[in-house]
Amino acid sequence: MPAYLYQIILMGGKDARLAALKTAVAARATDLGIDPRGIVYLDESAFADGYDRKKPAFGIYFGNQNRTVPEPLDRLEQDSIGVMPESW
């Protein structure tokens, strides 16, 4: 059983914005009294083995050059998980 409590699913092409996102999430989690070490970031390659539908999750889509649909999207939609486009 994974030790994390929260999941953030990362899809699409990731760049320097990912570091800024992780920093911002860690800061807000700390503000809320949540240990940032309890948050796992799953990219598309780790999704199949790491995703736990019983734990809170949120998806972030960074877009990509090929404009393809990320593989985890169908599963997240089935599980009613919100997915937001990253638009910083």
Protein backbone atom coordinates (compact mmCIF):
# COMPACT_ATOMS: atom_id res chain seq x y z
CA MET A 1 0.00 0.00 0.00
CA PRO A 2 1.51 3.38 -1.00
CA ALA A 3 2.49 5.76 1.80
CA TYR A 4 1.16 8.87 0.05
CA LEU A 5 -2.23 10.44 0.73
CA TYR A 6 -2.78 12.67 -2.30
CA GLN A 7 -2.06 12.21 -6.02
CA ILE A 8 -1.33 14.75 -8.72
CA ILE A 9 -1.37 13.24 -12.18
CA LEU A 10 0.86 15.05 -14.66
CA MET A 11 0.12 14.73 -18.36
CA GLY A 12 1.60 16.17 -21.52
CA GLY A 13 4.94 17.89 -22.08
CA LYS A 14 6.47 19.07 -18.84
CA ASP A 15 9.11 21.78 -18.58
CA ALA A 16 10.37 24.31 -16.04
CA ARG A 17 6.76 24.97 -14.98
CA LEU A 18 6.76 21.61 -13.20
CA ALA A 19 9.29 22.78 -10.59
CA ALA A 20 7.23 25.94 -9.99
CA LEU A 21 4.07 23.84 -9.66
CA LYS A 22 5.65 21.50 -7.10
CA THR A 23 6.96 24.45 -5.09
CA ALA A 24 3.54 26.12 -5.07
CA VAL A 25 1.72 22.89 -4.13
CA ALA A 26 4.18 22.20 -1.29
CA ALA A 27 3.71 25.73 0.06
CA ARG A 28 -0.10 25.54 -0.04
CA ALA A 29 -0.11 22.05 1.47
CA THR A 30 2.05 23.31 4.33
CA ASP A 31 -0.33 26.26 4.81
CA LEU A 32 -3.16 23.74 5.17
CA GLY A 33 -1.25 21.55 7.61
CA ILE A 34 -0.63 18.80 5.05
CA ASP A 35 2.80 17.23 4.91
CA PRO A 36 4.02 17.76 1.32
CA ARG A 37 5.74 14.36 1.47
CA GLY A 38 2.24 12.86 1.42
CA ILE A 39 1.70 14.10 -2.13
CA VAL A 40 2.81 11.91 -5.03
CA TYR A 41 3.30 13.18 -8.57
CA LEU A 42 2.49 10.56 -11.18
CA ASP A 43 3.42 11.15 -14.78
CA GLU A 44 1.92 9.17 -17.64
CA SER A 45 4.58 6.45 -17.42
CA ALA A 46 3.95 5.87 -13.68
CA PHE A 47 0.17 6.18 -13.81
CA ALA A 48 -0.76 2.55 -14.50
CA ASP A 49 1.22 1.17 -11.56
CA GLY A 50 0.94 4.10 -9.15
CA TYR A 51 -2.60 5.47 -9.41
CA ASP A 52 -4.97 4.55 -6.58
CA ARG A 53 -8.58 5.45 -7.30
CA LYS A 54 -9.35 5.34 -3.56
CA LYS A 55 -7.10 8.32 -2.81
CA PRO A 56 -7.79 11.96 -3.63
CA ALA A 57 -6.39 12.93 -7.03
CA PHE A 58 -6.19 15.83 -9.42
CA GLY A 59 -4.91 15.92 -12.99
CA ILE A 60 -2.88 18.64 -14.66
CA TYR A 61 -2.43 18.71 -18.42
CA PHE A 62 0.59 20.61 -19.72
CA GLY A 63 -0.32 20.19 -23.39
CA ASN A 64 2.02 18.76 -25.99
CA GLN A 65 3.39 19.46 -29.45
CA ASN A 66 1.55 16.52 -31.04
CA ARG A 67 -1.84 17.48 -29.58
CA THR A 68 -2.47 13.89 -28.55
CA VAL A 69 -4.79 12.75 -25.79
CA PRO A 70 -2.93 11.53 -22.67
CA GLU A 71 -3.49 7.86 -21.84
CA PRO A 72 -4.65 8.43 -18.21
CA LEU A 73 -7.41 10.81 -19.33
CA ASP A 74 -10.08 8.15 -19.93
CA ARG A 75 -9.47 6.53 -16.54
CA LEU A 76 -9.53 9.89 -14.73
CA GLU A 77 -12.77 10.77 -16.48
CA GLN A 78 -14.33 7.44 -15.41
CA ASP A 79 -13.28 8.14 -11.82
CA SER A 80 -14.64 11.72 -11.96
CA ILE A 81 -11.21 13.25 -11.33
CA GLY A 82 -10.82 16.89 -12.31
CA VAL A 83 -8.19 17.70 -14.93
CA MET A 84 -7.09 21.27 -15.43
CA PRO A 85 -4.96 22.68 -18.22
CA GLU A 86 -1.75 24.24 -16.93
CA SER A 87 -1.78 27.85 -18.07
CA TRP A 88 0.74 29.82 -16.08
